[in-house]
Amino acid sequence: DNIFVEGTVQQNMNTPSTLGDKQTGTIVTLDGNRSFSITNIDPNSIIKKDDFVIAIKINGEFRPIWITNENSTCKCCAS
């Protein structure tokens, strides 16, 4: 009955070809005790193995609302 889940992605996920083209993958919670299926419908979201994802339940499926990966973080200001 979770509304939000968070964890790391277990495999590279295919990027949807169009908005609404459902692509699924699995995340495992940080403590390793639970896994959840997540569904990406956004062709602009790239989800790779080991990315950290926060997802919300919408229409009975978990959809990513936050994805941390090397393509989404700014390194230009890192010292």
PDB file of N, CA and C in Angstrom:
ATOM      1  N   ASP A   1       0.814  -1.200   0.000  1.00  0.00           N
ATOM      2  CA  ASP A   1       0.000   0.000   0.000  1.00  0.00           C
ATOM      3  C   ASP A   1       0.859   1.266   0.000  1.00  0.00           C
ATOM      4  N   ASN A   2       2.083   1.151  -0.459  1.00  0.00           N
ATOM      5  CA  ASN A   2       2.960   2.322  -0.539  1.00  0.00           C
ATOM      6  C   ASN A   2       2.461   3.277  -1.616  1.00  0.00           C
ATOM      7  N   ILE A   3       2.571   4.562  -1.333  1.00  0.00           N
ATOM      8  CA  ILE A   3       2.283   5.578  -2.351  1.00  0.00           C
ATOM      9  C   ILE A   3       3.573   5.974  -3.048  1.00  0.00           C
ATOM     10  N   PHE A   4       4.661   6.081  -2.275  1.00  0.00           N
ATOM     11  CA  PHE A   4       5.983   6.385  -2.813  1.00  0.00           C
ATOM     12  C   PHE A   4       6.901   5.208  -2.542  1.00  0.00           C
ATOM     13  N   VAL A   5       7.819   4.950  -3.469  1.00  0.00           N
ATOM     14  CA  VAL A   5       8.883   3.974  -3.250  1.00  0.00           C
ATOM     15  C   VAL A   5      10.185   4.593  -3.738  1.00  0.00           C
ATOM     16  N   GLU A   6      11.293   4.105  -3.191  1.00  0.00           N
ATOM     17  CA  GLU A   6      12.589   4.573  -3.654  1.00  0.00           C
ATOM     18  C   GLU A   6      13.558   3.407  -3.638  1.00  0.00           C
ATOM     19  N   GLY A   7      14.509   3.450  -4.558  1.00  0.00           N
ATOM     20  CA  GLY A   7      15.494   2.389  -4.618  1.00  0.00           C
ATOM     21  C   GLY A   7      16.373   2.535  -5.839  1.00  0.00           C
ATOM     22  N   THR A   8      17.189   1.511  -6.077  1.00  0.00           N
ATOM     23  CA  THR A   8      18.096   1.531  -7.215  1.00  0.00           C
ATOM     24  C   THR A   8      17.588   0.600  -8.309  1.00  0.00           C
ATOM     25  N   VAL A   9      17.785   1.035  -9.535  1.00  0.00           N
ATOM     26  CA  VAL A   9      17.316   0.294 -10.702  1.00  0.00           C
ATOM     27  C   VAL A   9      18.230  -0.906 -10.940  1.00  0.00           C
ATOM     28  N   GLN A  10      17.630  -2.038 -11.256  1.00  0.00           N
ATOM     29  CA  GLN A  10      18.378  -3.285 -11.393  1.00  0.00           C
ATOM     30  C   GLN A  10      18.898  -3.560 -12.797  1.00  0.00           C
ATOM     31  N   GLN A  11      18.407  -2.818 -13.795  1.00  0.00           N
ATOM     32  CA  GLN A  11      18.850  -3.025 -15.173  1.00  0.00           C
ATOM     33  C   GLN A  11      18.598  -1.749 -15.967  1.00  0.00           C
ATOM     34  N   ASN A  12      19.320  -1.571 -17.078  1.00  0.00           N
ATOM     35  CA  ASN A  12      19.007  -0.455 -17.963  1.00  0.00           C
ATOM     36  C   ASN A  12      17.577  -0.617 -18.448  1.00  0.00           C
ATOM     37  N   MET A  13      16.844   0.483 -18.456  1.00  0.00           N
ATOM     38  CA  MET A  13      15.472   0.447 -18.952  1.00  0.00           C
ATOM     39  C   MET A  13      15.429   1.049 -20.343  1.00  0.00           C
ATOM     40  N   ASN A  14      14.633   0.469 -21.225  1.00  0.00           N
ATOM     41  CA  ASN A  14      14.437   1.057 -22.542  1.00  0.00           C
ATOM     42  C   ASN A  14      13.751   2.399 -22.380  1.00  0.00           C
ATOM     43  N   THR A  15      14.144   3.366 -23.196  1.00  0.00           N
ATOM     44  CA  THR A  15      13.496   4.671 -23.196  1.00  0.00           C
ATOM     45  C   THR A  15      12.254   4.583 -24.078  1.00  0.00           C
ATOM     46  N   PRO A  16      11.101   5.052 -23.579  1.00  0.00           N
ATOM     47  CA  PRO A  16       9.888   5.015 -24.403  1.00  0.00           C
ATOM     48  C   PRO A  16      10.093   5.752 -25.728  1.00  0.00           C
ATOM     49  N   SER A  17       9.548   5.219 -26.805  1.00  0.00           N
ATOM     50  CA  SER A  17       9.698   5.864 -28.111  1.00  0.00           C
ATOM     51  C   SER A  17       8.769   7.069 -28.260  1.00  0.00           C
ATOM     52  N   THR A  18       7.626   7.045 -27.576  1.00  0.00           N
ATOM     53  CA  THR A  18       6.686   8.156 -27.578  1.00  0.00           C
ATOM     54  C   THR A  18       6.099   8.301 -26.178  1.00  0.00           C
ATOM     55  N   LEU A  19       5.502   9.446 -25.912  1.00  0.00           N
ATOM     56  CA  LEU A  19       4.864   9.673 -24.620  1.00  0.00           C
ATOM     57  C   LEU A  19       3.762   8.637 -24.429  1.00  0.00           C
ATOM     58  N   GLY A  20       3.833   7.915 -23.339  1.00  0.00           N
ATOM     59  CA  GLY A  20       2.834   6.905 -23.042  1.00  0.00           C
ATOM     60  C   GLY A  20       3.236   5.489 -23.422  1.00  0.00           C
ATOM     61  N   ASP A  21       4.312   5.329 -24.199  1.00  0.00           N
ATOM     62  CA  ASP A  21       4.831   4.002 -24.528  1.00  0.00           C
ATOM     63  C   ASP A  21       5.464   3.440 -23.262  1.00  0.00           C
ATOM     64  N   LYS A  22       4.822   2.495 -22.622  1.00  0.00           N
ATOM     65  CA  LYS A  22       5.246   2.013 -21.307  1.00  0.00           C
ATOM     66  C   LYS A  22       6.471   1.107 -21.393  1.00  0.00           C
ATOM     67  N   GLN A  23       7.474   1.464 -20.596  1.00  0.00           N
ATOM     68  CA  GLN A  23       8.668   0.644 -20.438  1.00  0.00           C
ATOM     69  C   GLN A  23       8.815   0.345 -18.950  1.00  0.00           C
ATOM     70  N   THR A  24       9.046  -0.899 -18.599  1.00  0.00           N
ATOM     71  CA  THR A  24       9.095  -1.267 -17.189  1.00  0.00           C
ATOM     72  C   THR A  24      10.470  -1.772 -16.779  1.00  0.00           C
ATOM     73  N   GLY A  25      10.720  -1.645 -15.484  1.00  0.00           N
ATOM     74  CA  GLY A  25      11.948  -2.137 -14.882  1.00  0.00           C
ATOM     75  C   GLY A  25      11.695  -2.409 -13.414  1.00  0.00           C
ATOM     76  N   THR A  26      12.749  -2.732 -12.701  1.00  0.00           N
ATOM     77  CA  THR A  26      12.632  -3.082 -11.296  1.00  0.00           C
ATOM     78  C   THR A  26      13.593  -2.240 -10.466  1.00  0.00           C
ATOM     79  N   ILE A  27      13.091  -1.748  -9.319  1.00  0.00           N
ATOM     80  CA  ILE A  27      13.971  -1.113  -8.342  1.00  0.00           C
ATOM     81  C   ILE A  27      13.956  -1.957  -7.075  1.00  0.00           C
ATOM     82  N   VAL A  28      15.074  -1.908  -6.359  1.00  0.00           N
ATOM     83  CA  VAL A  28      15.198  -2.582  -5.073  1.00  0.00           C
ATOM     84  C   VAL A  28      15.455  -1.507  -4.032  1.00  0.00           C
ATOM     85  N   THR A  29      14.741  -1.598  -2.890  1.00  0.00           N
ATOM     86  CA  THR A  29      14.912  -0.610  -1.825  1.00  0.00           C
ATOM     87  C   THR A  29      16.359  -0.611  -1.342  1.00  0.00           C
ATOM     88  N   LEU A  30      16.768   0.502  -0.741  1.00  0.00           N
ATOM     89  CA  LEU A  30      18.155   0.650  -0.319  1.00  0.00           C
ATOM     90  C   LEU A  30      18.580  -0.399   0.699  1.00  0.00           C
ATOM     91  N   ASP A  31      17.629  -0.879   1.516  1.00  0.00           N
ATOM     92  CA  ASP A  31      17.975  -1.929   2.480  1.00  0.00           C
ATOM     93  C   ASP A  31      17.958  -3.320   1.839  1.00  0.00           C
ATOM     94  N   GLY A  32      17.551  -3.404   0.573  1.00  0.00           N
ATOM     95  CA  GLY A  32      17.555  -4.662  -0.153  1.00  0.00           C
ATOM     96  C   GLY A  32      16.416  -5.608   0.179  1.00  0.00           C
ATOM     97  N   ASN A  33      15.469  -5.167   0.993  1.00  0.00           N
ATOM     98  CA  ASN A  33      14.405  -6.059   1.455  1.00  0.00           C
ATOM     99  C   ASN A  33      13.209  -6.175   0.515  1.00  0.00           C
ATOM    100  N   ARG A  34      13.003  -5.185  -0.365  1.00  0.00           N
ATOM    101  CA  ARG A  34      11.817  -5.217  -1.232  1.00  0.00           C
ATOM    102  C   ARG A  34      12.180  -4.766  -2.634  1.00  0.00           C
ATOM    103  N   SER A  35      11.421  -5.250  -3.591  1.00  0.00           N
ATOM    104  CA  SER A  35      11.571  -4.789  -4.968  1.00  0.00           C
ATOM    105  C   SER A  35      10.209  -4.367  -5.496  1.00  0.00           C
ATOM    106  N   PHE A  36      10.244  -3.429  -6.421  1.00  0.00           N
ATOM    107  CA  PHE A  36       9.023  -2.888  -7.017  1.00  0.00           C
ATOM    108  C   PHE A  36       9.219  -2.744  -8.516  1.00  0.00           C
ATOM    109  N   SER A  37       8.173  -2.993  -9.259  1.00  0.00           N
ATOM    110  CA  SER A  37       8.169  -2.726 -10.690  1.00  0.00           C
ATOM    111  C   SER A  37       7.866  -1.248 -10.894  1.00  0.00           C
ATOM    112  N   ILE A  38       8.617  -0.595 -11.778  1.00  0.00           N
ATOM    113  CA  ILE A  38       8.340   0.802 -12.116  1.00  0.00           C
ATOM    114  C   ILE A  38       8.071   0.899 -13.615  1.00  0.00           C
ATOM    115  N   THR A  39       7.263   1.876 -13.980  1.00  0.00           N
ATOM    116  CA  THR A  39       6.883   2.084 -15.369  1.00  0.00           C
ATOM    117  C   THR A  39       7.262   3.487 -15.794  1.00  0.00           C
ATOM    118  N   ASN A  40       8.069   3.591 -16.851  1.00  0.00           N
ATOM    119  CA  ASN A  40       8.453   4.886 -17.401  1.00  0.00           C
ATOM    120  C   ASN A  40       7.654   5.125 -18.671  1.00  0.00           C
ATOM    121  N   ILE A  41       6.967   6.274 -18.746  1.00  0.00           N
ATOM    122  CA  ILE A  41       6.204   6.619 -19.951  1.00  0.00           C
ATOM    123  C   ILE A  41       6.751   7.874 -20.627  1.00  0.00           C
ATOM    124  N   ASP A  42       7.860   8.412 -20.110  1.00  0.00           N
ATOM    125  CA  ASP A  42       8.418   9.685 -20.590  1.00  0.00           C
ATOM    126  C   ASP A  42       9.614   9.438 -21.504  1.00  0.00           C
ATOM    127  N   PRO A  43       9.500   9.775 -22.800  1.00  0.00           N
ATOM    128  CA  PRO A  43      10.612   9.543 -23.724  1.00  0.00           C
ATOM    129  C   PRO A  43      11.839  10.414 -23.427  1.00  0.00           C
ATOM    130  N   ASN A  44      11.708  11.400 -22.563  1.00  0.00           N
ATOM    131  CA  ASN A  44      12.838  12.250 -22.196  1.00  0.00           C
ATOM    132  C   ASN A  44      13.567  11.761 -20.950  1.00  0.00           C
ATOM    133  N   SER A  45      13.062  10.714 -20.310  1.00  0.00           N
ATOM    134  CA  SER A  45      13.688  10.180 -19.104  1.00  0.00           C
ATOM    135  C   SER A  45      14.522   8.953 -19.445  1.00  0.00           C
ATOM    136  N   ILE A  46      15.809   9.046 -19.136  1.00  0.00           N
ATOM    137  CA  ILE A  46      16.724   7.928 -19.337  1.00  0.00           C
ATOM    138  C   ILE A  46      16.976   7.298 -17.978  1.00  0.00           C
ATOM    139  N   ILE A  47      16.748   6.001 -17.867  1.00  0.00           N
ATOM    140  CA  ILE A  47      16.931   5.298 -16.595  1.00  0.00           C
ATOM    141  C   ILE A  47      17.911   4.159 -16.825  1.00  0.00           C
ATOM    142  N   LYS A  48      19.028   4.222 -16.086  1.00  0.00           N
ATOM    143  CA  LYS A  48      20.092   3.233 -16.245  1.00  0.00           C
ATOM    144  C   LYS A  48      20.255   2.398 -14.982  1.00  0.00           C
ATOM    145  N   LYS A  49      20.886   1.247 -15.147  1.00  0.00           N
ATOM    146  CA  LYS A  49      21.192   0.360 -14.029  1.00  0.00           C
ATOM    147  C   LYS A  49      21.917   1.145 -12.936  1.00  0.00           C
ATOM    148  N   ASP A  50      21.522   0.917 -11.708  1.00  0.00           N
ATOM    149  CA  ASP A  50      22.089   1.527 -10.496  1.00  0.00           C
ATOM    150  C   ASP A  50      21.666   2.975 -10.265  1.00  0.00           C
ATOM    151  N   ASP A  51      20.819   3.558 -11.127  1.00  0.00           N
ATOM    152  CA  ASP A  51      20.270   4.888 -10.856  1.00  0.00           C
ATOM    153  C   ASP A  51      19.382   4.820  -9.621  1.00  0.00           C
ATOM    154  N   PHE A  52      19.357   5.897  -8.855  1.00  0.00           N
ATOM    155  CA  PHE A  52      18.449   6.010  -7.717  1.00  0.00           C
ATOM    156  C   PHE A  52      17.158   6.628  -8.223  1.00  0.00           C
ATOM    157  N   VAL A  53      16.019   6.005  -7.894  1.00  0.00           N
ATOM    158  CA  VAL A  53      14.715   6.458  -8.382  1.00  0.00           C
ATOM    159  C   VAL A  53      13.740   6.595  -7.215  1.00  0.00           C
ATOM    160  N   ILE A  54      12.983   7.678  -7.236  1.00  0.00           N
ATOM    161  CA  ILE A  54      11.818   7.829  -6.365  1.00  0.00           C
ATOM    162  C   ILE A  54      10.613   7.765  -7.292  1.00  0.00           C
ATOM    163  N   ALA A  55       9.641   6.923  -6.939  1.00  0.00           N
ATOM    164  CA  ALA A  55       8.470   6.745  -7.793  1.00  0.00           C
ATOM    165  C   ALA A  55       7.199   6.892  -6.972  1.00  0.00           C
ATOM    166  N   ILE A  56       6.132   7.315  -7.643  1.00  0.00           N
ATOM    167  CA  ILE A  56       4.817   7.488  -7.024  1.00  0.00           C
ATOM    168  C   ILE A  56       3.828   6.561  -7.731  1.00  0.00           C
ATOM    169  N   LYS A  57       2.862   6.059  -6.971  1.00  0.00           N
ATOM    170  CA  LYS A  57       1.849   5.179  -7.557  1.00  0.00           C
ATOM    171  C   LYS A  57       0.780   6.015  -8.252  1.00  0.00           C
ATOM    172  N   ILE A  58       0.616   5.761  -9.547  1.00  0.00           N
ATOM    173  CA  ILE A  58      -0.400   6.425 -10.371  1.00  0.00           C
ATOM    174  C   ILE A  58      -1.102   5.336 -11.175  1.00  0.00           C
ATOM    175  N   ASN A  59      -2.429   5.302 -11.093  1.00  0.00           N
ATOM    176  CA  ASN A  59      -3.220   4.301 -11.828  1.00  0.00           C
ATOM    177  C   ASN A  59      -2.704   2.883 -11.607  1.00  0.00           C
ATOM    178  N   GLY A  60      -2.329   2.587 -10.366  1.00  0.00           N
ATOM    179  CA  GLY A  60      -1.938   1.229 -10.014  1.00  0.00           C
ATOM    180  C   GLY A  60      -0.522   0.828 -10.371  1.00  0.00           C
ATOM    181  N   GLU A  61       0.283   1.765 -10.874  1.00  0.00           N
ATOM    182  CA  GLU A  61       1.676   1.438 -11.197  1.00  0.00           C
ATOM    183  C   GLU A  61       2.594   2.535 -10.673  1.00  0.00           C
ATOM    184  N   PHE A  62       3.833   2.171 -10.355  1.00  0.00           N
ATOM    185  CA  PHE A  62       4.802   3.156  -9.866  1.00  0.00           C
ATOM    186  C   PHE A  62       5.485   3.820 -11.045  1.00  0.00           C
ATOM    187  N   ARG A  63       5.444   5.160 -11.065  1.00  0.00           N
ATOM    188  CA  ARG A  63       6.072   5.938 -12.131  1.00  0.00           C
ATOM    189  C   ARG A  63       7.125   6.856 -11.528  1.00  0.00           C
ATOM    190  N   PRO A  64       8.295   6.943 -12.162  1.00  0.00           N
ATOM    191  CA  PRO A  64       9.386   7.753 -11.617  1.00  0.00           C
ATOM    192  C   PRO A  64       9.028   9.242 -11.554  1.00  0.00           C
ATOM    193  N   ILE A  65       9.356   9.862 -10.414  1.00  0.00           N
ATOM    194  CA  ILE A  65       9.242  11.317 -10.305  1.00  0.00           C
ATOM    195  C   ILE A  65      10.607  11.943 -10.058  1.00  0.00           C
ATOM    196  N   TRP A  66      11.620  11.123  -9.755  1.00  0.00           N
ATOM    197  CA  TRP A  66      12.990  11.598  -9.572  1.00  0.00           C
ATOM    198  C   TRP A  66      13.936  10.494  -9.999  1.00  0.00           C
ATOM    199  N   ILE A  67      14.874  10.831 -10.854  1.00  0.00           N
ATOM    200  CA  ILE A  67      15.877   9.885 -11.324  1.00  0.00           C
ATOM    201  C   ILE A  67      17.232  10.554 -11.194  1.00  0.00           C
ATOM    202  N   THR A  68      18.149   9.906 -10.516  1.00  0.00           N
ATOM    203  CA  THR A  68      19.493  10.433 -10.416  1.00  0.00           C
ATOM    204  C   THR A  68      20.407   9.569 -11.269  1.00  0.00           C
ATOM    205  N   ASN A  69      20.975  10.167 -12.305  1.00  0.00           N
ATOM    206  CA  ASN A  69      21.965   9.461 -13.107  1.00  0.00           C
ATOM    207  C   ASN A  69      22.989  10.446 -13.642  1.00  0.00           C
ATOM    208  N   GLU A  70      24.029   9.917 -14.253  1.00  0.00           N
ATOM    209  CA  GLU A  70      25.127  10.776 -14.712  1.00  0.00           C
ATOM    210  C   GLU A  70      24.681  11.813 -15.731  1.00  0.00           C
ATOM    211  N   ASN A  71      23.583  11.556 -16.457  1.00  0.00           N
ATOM    212  CA  ASN A  71      23.095  12.507 -17.440  1.00  0.00           C
ATOM    213  C   ASN A  71      22.248  13.613 -16.843  1.00  0.00           C
ATOM    214  N   SER A  72      21.793  13.432 -15.602  1.00  0.00           N
ATOM    215  CA  SER A  72      20.871  14.418 -15.031  1.00  0.00           C
ATOM    216  C   SER A  72      21.506  15.290 -13.963  1.00  0.00           C
ATOM    217  N   THR A  73      22.785  15.116 -13.695  1.00  0.00           N
ATOM    218  CA  THR A  73      23.427  15.914 -12.675  1.00  0.00           C
ATOM    219  C   THR A  73      24.440  16.856 -13.303  1.00  0.00           C
ATOM    220  N   CYS A  74      24.479  18.055 -12.795  1.00  0.00           N
ATOM    221  CA  CYS A  74      25.385  19.078 -13.314  1.00  0.00           C
ATOM    222  C   CYS A  74      26.766  18.890 -12.675  1.00  0.00           C
ATOM    223  N   LYS A  75      27.765  18.761 -13.523  1.00  0.00           N
ATOM    224  CA  LYS A  75      29.138  18.620 -13.029  1.00  0.00           C
ATOM    225  C   LYS A  75      29.971  19.861 -13.343  1.00  0.00           C
ATOM    226  N   CYS A  76      29.349  20.854 -13.980  1.00  0.00           N
ATOM    227  CA  CYS A  76      30.109  22.011 -14.428  1.00  0.00           C
ATOM    228  C   CYS A  76      30.639  22.863 -13.269  1.00  0.00           C
ATOM    229  N   CYS A  77      29.997  22.784 -12.124  1.00  0.00           N
ATOM    230  CA  CYS A  77      30.412  23.612 -10.984  1.00  0.00           C
ATOM    231  C   CYS A  77      31.179  22.820  -9.939  1.00  0.00           C
ATOM    232  N   ALA A  78      31.416  21.562 -10.200  1.00  0.00           N
ATOM    233  CA  ALA A  78      32.114  20.718  -9.206  1.00  0.00           C
ATOM    234  C   ALA A  78      33.550  21.190  -9.056  1.00  0.00           C
ATOM    235  N   SER A  79      34.008  21.181  -7.821  1.00  0.00           N
ATOM    236  CA  SER A  79      35.395  21.620  -7.598  1.00  0.00           C
ATOM    237  C   SER A  79      36.303  20.450  -7.352  1.00  0.00           C
TER     238      SER A  79
END
